[in-house]
Amino acid sequence: MKLFKLFQYAYIVFAVLFVYDAFAEYNSTGQVKYLSLFLAALAVFMFFFRKKFNNKFDNNK
């Protein structure tokens, strides 16, 4: 079960990486990289979804 919690926090790491990618692209070209921002938002959503799912799974045991 500890492995699932590790993957849960990996979503936050990916969200930070996608936001950094969008920020770096904006600073270098001046264009907003919407795909990276969308993926960052999706990663944050998945973090909270997995956290809720893991808590529900732990409560059923």
PDB file of N, CA and C in Angstrom:
ATOM      1  N   MET A   1       0.809  -1.196   0.000  1.00  0.00           N
ATOM      2  CA  MET A   1       0.000   0.000   0.000  1.00  0.00           C
ATOM      3  C   MET A   1       0.858   1.268   0.000  1.00  0.00           C
ATOM      4  N   LYS A   2       2.073   1.162   0.485  1.00  0.00           N
ATOM      5  CA  LYS A   2       2.959   2.334   0.494  1.00  0.00           C
ATOM      6  C   LYS A   2       3.316   2.756  -0.926  1.00  0.00           C
ATOM      7  N   LEU A   3       3.321   1.786  -1.840  1.00  0.00           N
ATOM      8  CA  LEU A   3       3.637   2.093  -3.229  1.00  0.00           C
ATOM      9  C   LEU A   3       2.573   2.997  -3.847  1.00  0.00           C
ATOM     10  N   PHE A   4       1.306   2.769  -3.490  1.00  0.00           N
ATOM     11  CA  PHE A   4       0.226   3.598  -4.008  1.00  0.00           C
ATOM     12  C   PHE A   4       0.350   5.035  -3.507  1.00  0.00           C
ATOM     13  N   LYS A   5       0.781   5.200  -2.259  1.00  0.00           N
ATOM     14  CA  LYS A   5       0.955   6.541  -1.719  1.00  0.00           C
ATOM     15  C   LYS A   5       2.132   7.250  -2.379  1.00  0.00           C
ATOM     16  N   LEU A   6       3.140   6.489  -2.766  1.00  0.00           N
ATOM     17  CA  LEU A   6       4.270   7.071  -3.482  1.00  0.00           C
ATOM     18  C   LEU A   6       3.824   7.599  -4.845  1.00  0.00           C
ATOM     19  N   PHE A   7       3.028   6.818  -5.562  1.00  0.00           N
ATOM     20  CA  PHE A   7       2.513   7.262  -6.850  1.00  0.00           C
ATOM     21  C   PHE A   7       1.595   8.469  -6.701  1.00  0.00           C
ATOM     22  N   GLN A   8       0.890   8.538  -5.592  1.00  0.00           N
ATOM     23  CA  GLN A   8       0.010   9.672  -5.333  1.00  0.00           C
ATOM     24  C   GLN A   8       0.810  10.971  -5.323  1.00  0.00           C
ATOM     25  N   TYR A   9       1.960  10.969  -4.688  1.00  0.00           N
ATOM     26  CA  TYR A   9       2.779  12.178  -4.630  1.00  0.00           C
ATOM     27  C   TYR A   9       3.580  12.402  -5.905  1.00  0.00           C
ATOM     28  N   ALA A  10       3.702  11.403  -6.719  1.00  0.00           N
ATOM     29  CA  ALA A  10       4.364  11.580  -8.009  1.00  0.00           C
ATOM     30  C   ALA A  10       3.547  12.506  -8.909  1.00  0.00           C
ATOM     31  N   TYR A  11       2.226  12.505  -8.747  1.00  0.00           N
ATOM     32  CA  TYR A  11       1.386  13.420  -9.522  1.00  0.00           C
ATOM     33  C   TYR A  11       1.723  14.877  -9.224  1.00  0.00           C
ATOM     34  N   ILE A  12       2.028  15.184  -7.973  1.00  0.00           N
ATOM     35  CA  ILE A  12       2.402  16.553  -7.615  1.00  0.00           C
ATOM     36  C   ILE A  12       3.741  16.915  -8.253  1.00  0.00           C
ATOM     37  N   VAL A  13       4.659  15.984  -8.282  1.00  0.00           N
ATOM     38  CA  VAL A  13       5.967  16.223  -8.910  1.00  0.00           C
ATOM     39  C   VAL A  13       5.779  16.515 -10.393  1.00  0.00           C
ATOM     40  N   PHE A  14       4.934  15.729 -11.058  1.00  0.00           N
ATOM     41  CA  PHE A  14       4.679  15.975 -12.476  1.00  0.00           C
ATOM     42  C   PHE A  14       3.983  17.310 -12.698  1.00  0.00           C
ATOM     43  N   ALA A  15       3.092  17.690 -11.802  1.00  0.00           N
ATOM     44  CA  ALA A  15       2.413  18.981 -11.931  1.00  0.00           C
ATOM     45  C   ALA A  15       3.425  20.121 -11.855  1.00  0.00           C
ATOM     46  N   VAL A  16       4.372  20.021 -10.938  1.00  0.00           N
ATOM     47  CA  VAL A  16       5.403  21.059 -10.817  1.00  0.00           C
ATOM     48  C   VAL A  16       6.265  21.103 -12.073  1.00  0.00           C
ATOM     49  N   LEU A  17       6.593  19.947 -12.605  1.00  0.00           N
ATOM     50  CA  LEU A  17       7.397  19.908 -13.832  1.00  0.00           C
ATOM     51  C   LEU A  17       6.653  20.518 -15.020  1.00  0.00           C
ATOM     52  N   PHE A  18       5.369  20.249 -15.136  1.00  0.00           N
ATOM     53  CA  PHE A  18       4.591  20.820 -16.242  1.00  0.00           C
ATOM     54  C   PHE A  18       4.436  22.332 -16.102  1.00  0.00           C
ATOM     55  N   VAL A  19       4.261  22.819 -14.880  1.00  0.00           N
ATOM     56  CA  VAL A  19       4.169  24.268 -14.675  1.00  0.00           C
ATOM     57  C   VAL A  19       5.510  24.918 -14.987  1.00  0.00           C
ATOM     58  N   TYR A  20       6.599  24.286 -14.593  1.00  0.00           N
ATOM     59  CA  TYR A  20       7.921  24.815 -14.920  1.00  0.00           C
ATOM     60  C   TYR A  20       8.145  24.852 -16.429  1.00  0.00           C
ATOM     61  N   ASP A  21       7.703  23.812 -17.120  1.00  0.00           N
ATOM     62  CA  ASP A  21       7.835  23.769 -18.577  1.00  0.00           C
ATOM     63  C   ASP A  21       7.052  24.908 -19.227  1.00  0.00           C
ATOM     64  N   ALA A  22       5.833  25.137 -18.758  1.00  0.00           N
ATOM     65  CA  ALA A  22       5.022  26.224 -19.311  1.00  0.00           C
ATOM     66  C   ALA A  22       5.653  27.583 -19.012  1.00  0.00           C
ATOM     67  N   PHE A  23       6.180  27.744 -17.811  1.00  0.00           N
ATOM     68  CA  PHE A  23       6.813  29.002 -17.429  1.00  0.00           C
ATOM     69  C   PHE A  23       8.077  29.253 -18.246  1.00  0.00           C
ATOM     70  N   ALA A  24       8.885  28.225 -18.450  1.00  0.00           N
ATOM     71  CA  ALA A  24      10.116  28.373 -19.236  1.00  0.00           C
ATOM     72  C   ALA A  24       9.798  28.693 -20.691  1.00  0.00           C
ATOM     73  N   GLU A  25       8.784  28.065 -21.243  1.00  0.00           N
ATOM     74  CA  GLU A  25       8.377  28.345 -22.627  1.00  0.00           C
ATOM     75  C   GLU A  25       7.870  29.774 -22.762  1.00  0.00           C
ATOM     76  N   TYR A  26       7.121  30.235 -21.776  1.00  0.00           N
ATOM     77  CA  TYR A  26       6.598  31.600 -21.822  1.00  0.00           C
ATOM     78  C   TYR A  26       7.728  32.621 -21.726  1.00  0.00           C
ATOM     79  N   ASN A  27       8.710  32.348 -20.901  1.00  0.00           N
ATOM     80  CA  ASN A  27       9.843  33.278 -20.770  1.00  0.00           C
ATOM     81  C   ASN A  27      10.720  33.303 -22.004  1.00  0.00           C
ATOM     82  N   SER A  28      10.843  32.181 -22.693  1.00  0.00           N
ATOM     83  CA  SER A  28      11.738  32.157 -23.851  1.00  0.00           C
ATOM     84  C   SER A  28      11.061  32.653 -25.124  1.00  0.00           C
ATOM     85  N   THR A  29       9.789  32.327 -25.332  1.00  0.00           N
ATOM     86  CA  THR A  29       9.129  32.712 -26.586  1.00  0.00           C
ATOM     87  C   THR A  29       7.995  33.697 -26.402  1.00  0.00           C
ATOM     88  N   GLY A  30       7.467  33.818 -25.195  1.00  0.00           N
ATOM     89  CA  GLY A  30       6.337  34.710 -24.972  1.00  0.00           C
ATOM     90  C   GLY A  30       4.997  34.066 -25.287  1.00  0.00           C
ATOM     91  N   GLN A  31       5.007  32.796 -25.635  1.00  0.00           N
ATOM     92  CA  GLN A  31       3.765  32.084 -25.929  1.00  0.00           C
ATOM     93  C   GLN A  31       3.407  31.183 -24.760  1.00  0.00           C
ATOM     94  N   VAL A  32       2.112  31.105 -24.492  1.00  0.00           N
ATOM     95  CA  VAL A  32       1.637  30.262 -23.398  1.00  0.00           C
ATOM     96  C   VAL A  32       1.508  28.835 -23.901  1.00  0.00           C
ATOM     97  N   LYS A  33       2.042  27.907 -23.163  1.00  0.00           N
ATOM     98  CA  LYS A  33       1.973  26.492 -23.523  1.00  0.00           C
ATOM     99  C   LYS A  33       0.784  25.875 -22.777  1.00  0.00           C
ATOM    100  N   TYR A  34      -0.377  25.916 -23.418  1.00  0.00           N
ATOM    101  CA  TYR A  34      -1.610  25.487 -22.774  1.00  0.00           C
ATOM    102  C   TYR A  34      -1.631  23.993 -22.477  1.00  0.00           C
ATOM    103  N   LEU A  35      -0.983  23.200 -23.286  1.00  0.00           N
ATOM    104  CA  LEU A  35      -0.966  21.764 -23.049  1.00  0.00           C
ATOM    105  C   LEU A  35      -0.274  21.440 -21.728  1.00  0.00           C
ATOM    106  N   SER A  36       0.830  22.086 -21.440  1.00  0.00           N
ATOM    107  CA  SER A  36       1.524  21.850 -20.172  1.00  0.00           C
ATOM    108  C   SER A  36       0.684  22.320 -18.988  1.00  0.00           C
ATOM    109  N   LEU A  37       0.005  23.439 -19.141  1.00  0.00           N
ATOM    110  CA  LEU A  37      -0.854  23.911 -18.053  1.00  0.00           C
ATOM    111  C   LEU A  37      -2.033  22.974 -17.828  1.00  0.00           C
ATOM    112  N   PHE A  38      -2.593  22.447 -18.921  1.00  0.00           N
ATOM    113  CA  PHE A  38      -3.686  21.482 -18.807  1.00  0.00           C
ATOM    114  C   PHE A  38      -3.214  20.206 -18.125  1.00  0.00           C
ATOM    115  N   LEU A  39      -2.043  19.717 -18.503  1.00  0.00           N
ATOM    116  CA  LEU A  39      -1.512  18.504 -17.883  1.00  0.00           C
ATOM    117  C   LEU A  39      -1.175  18.722 -16.411  1.00  0.00           C
ATOM    118  N   ALA A  40      -0.731  19.919 -16.064  1.00  0.00           N
ATOM    119  CA  ALA A  40      -0.473  20.233 -14.657  1.00  0.00           C
ATOM    120  C   ALA A  40      -1.772  20.225 -13.865  1.00  0.00           C
ATOM    121  N   ALA A  41      -2.814  20.810 -14.422  1.00  0.00           N
ATOM    122  CA  ALA A  41      -4.115  20.798 -13.742  1.00  0.00           C
ATOM    123  C   ALA A  41      -4.652  19.378 -13.617  1.00  0.00           C
ATOM    124  N   LEU A  42      -4.463  18.581 -14.635  1.00  0.00           N
ATOM    125  CA  LEU A  42      -4.895  17.183 -14.602  1.00  0.00           C
ATOM    126  C   LEU A  42      -4.116  16.396 -13.544  1.00  0.00           C
ATOM    127  N   ALA A  43      -2.835  16.665 -13.416  1.00  0.00           N
ATOM    128  CA  ALA A  43      -2.021  15.977 -12.414  1.00  0.00           C
ATOM    129  C   ALA A  43      -2.460  16.350 -10.999  1.00  0.00           C
ATOM    130  N   VAL A  44      -2.806  17.612 -10.776  1.00  0.00           N
ATOM    131  CA  VAL A  44      -3.290  18.032  -9.459  1.00  0.00           C
ATOM    132  C   VAL A  44      -4.631  17.363  -9.164  1.00  0.00           C
ATOM    133  N   PHE A  45      -5.503  17.303 -10.169  1.00  0.00           N
ATOM    134  CA  PHE A  45      -6.790  16.620  -9.996  1.00  0.00           C
ATOM    135  C   PHE A  45      -6.570  15.152  -9.655  1.00  0.00           C
ATOM    136  N   MET A  46      -5.657  14.500 -10.370  1.00  0.00           N
ATOM    137  CA  MET A  46      -5.392  13.089 -10.129  1.00  0.00           C
ATOM    138  C   MET A  46      -4.810  12.867  -8.728  1.00  0.00           C
ATOM    139  N   PHE A  47      -4.004  13.813  -8.243  1.00  0.00           N
ATOM    140  CA  PHE A  47      -3.477  13.706  -6.888  1.00  0.00           C
ATOM    141  C   PHE A  47      -4.605  13.654  -5.874  1.00  0.00           C
ATOM    142  N   PHE A  48      -5.545  14.589  -5.969  1.00  0.00           N
ATOM    143  CA  PHE A  48      -6.643  14.617  -5.009  1.00  0.00           C
ATOM    144  C   PHE A  48      -7.589  13.434  -5.195  1.00  0.00           C
ATOM    145  N   PHE A  49      -7.790  13.011  -6.429  1.00  0.00           N
ATOM    146  CA  PHE A  49      -8.638  11.852  -6.690  1.00  0.00           C
ATOM    147  C   PHE A  49      -8.027  10.594  -6.076  1.00  0.00           C
ATOM    148  N   ARG A  50      -6.724  10.383  -6.315  1.00  0.00           N
ATOM    149  CA  ARG A  50      -6.064   9.199  -5.767  1.00  0.00           C
ATOM    150  C   ARG A  50      -6.012   9.256  -4.237  1.00  0.00           C
ATOM    151  N   LYS A  51      -5.837  10.449  -3.689  1.00  0.00           N
ATOM    152  CA  LYS A  51      -5.804  10.593  -2.233  1.00  0.00           C
ATOM    153  C   LYS A  51      -7.152  10.198  -1.633  1.00  0.00           C
ATOM    154  N   LYS A  52      -8.233  10.666  -2.236  1.00  0.00           N
ATOM    155  CA  LYS A  52      -9.566  10.309  -1.753  1.00  0.00           C
ATOM    156  C   LYS A  52      -9.813   8.814  -1.925  1.00  0.00           C
ATOM    157  N   PHE A  53      -9.411   8.266  -3.057  1.00  0.00           N
ATOM    158  CA  PHE A  53      -9.609   6.844  -3.315  1.00  0.00           C
ATOM    159  C   PHE A  53      -8.811   5.999  -2.331  1.00  0.00           C
ATOM    160  N   ASN A  54      -7.564   6.379  -2.055  1.00  0.00           N
ATOM    161  CA  ASN A  54      -6.735   5.637  -1.093  1.00  0.00           C
ATOM    162  C   ASN A  54      -7.313   5.700   0.310  1.00  0.00           C
ATOM    163  N   ASN A  55      -7.838   6.868   0.692  1.00  0.00           N
ATOM    164  CA  ASN A  55      -8.458   6.986   2.027  1.00  0.00           C
ATOM    165  C   ASN A  55      -9.704   6.118   2.123  1.00  0.00           C
ATOM    166  N   LYS A  56     -10.483   6.086   1.063  1.00  0.00           N
ATOM    167  CA  LYS A  56     -11.680   5.253   1.054  1.00  0.00           C
ATOM    168  C   LYS A  56     -11.295   3.779   1.115  1.00  0.00           C
ATOM    169  N   PHE A  57     -10.241   3.408   0.396  1.00  0.00           N
ATOM    170  CA  PHE A  57      -9.773   2.031   0.399  1.00  0.00           C
ATOM    171  C   PHE A  57      -9.260   1.629   1.776  1.00  0.00           C
ATOM    172  N   ASP A  58      -8.527   2.521   2.444  1.00  0.00           N
ATOM    173  CA  ASP A  58      -7.996   2.236   3.788  1.00  0.00           C
ATOM    174  C   ASP A  58      -9.117   2.125   4.822  1.00  0.00           C
ATOM    175  N   ASN A  59     -10.171   2.926   4.684  1.00  0.00           N
ATOM    176  CA  ASN A  59     -11.278   2.881   5.629  1.00  0.00           C
ATOM    177  C   ASN A  59     -12.089   1.591   5.496  1.00  0.00           C
ATOM    178  N   ASN A  60     -12.104   0.986   4.315  1.00  0.00           N
ATOM    179  CA  ASN A  60     -12.860  -0.248   4.142  1.00  0.00           C
ATOM    180  C   ASN A  60     -12.157  -1.446   4.758  1.00  0.00           C
ATOM    181  N   LYS A  61     -10.862  -1.342   4.994  1.00  0.00           N
ATOM    182  CA  LYS A  61     -10.131  -2.455   5.621  1.00  0.00           C
ATOM    183  C   LYS A  61     -10.414  -2.415   7.048  1.00  0.00           C
TER     184      LYS A  61
END
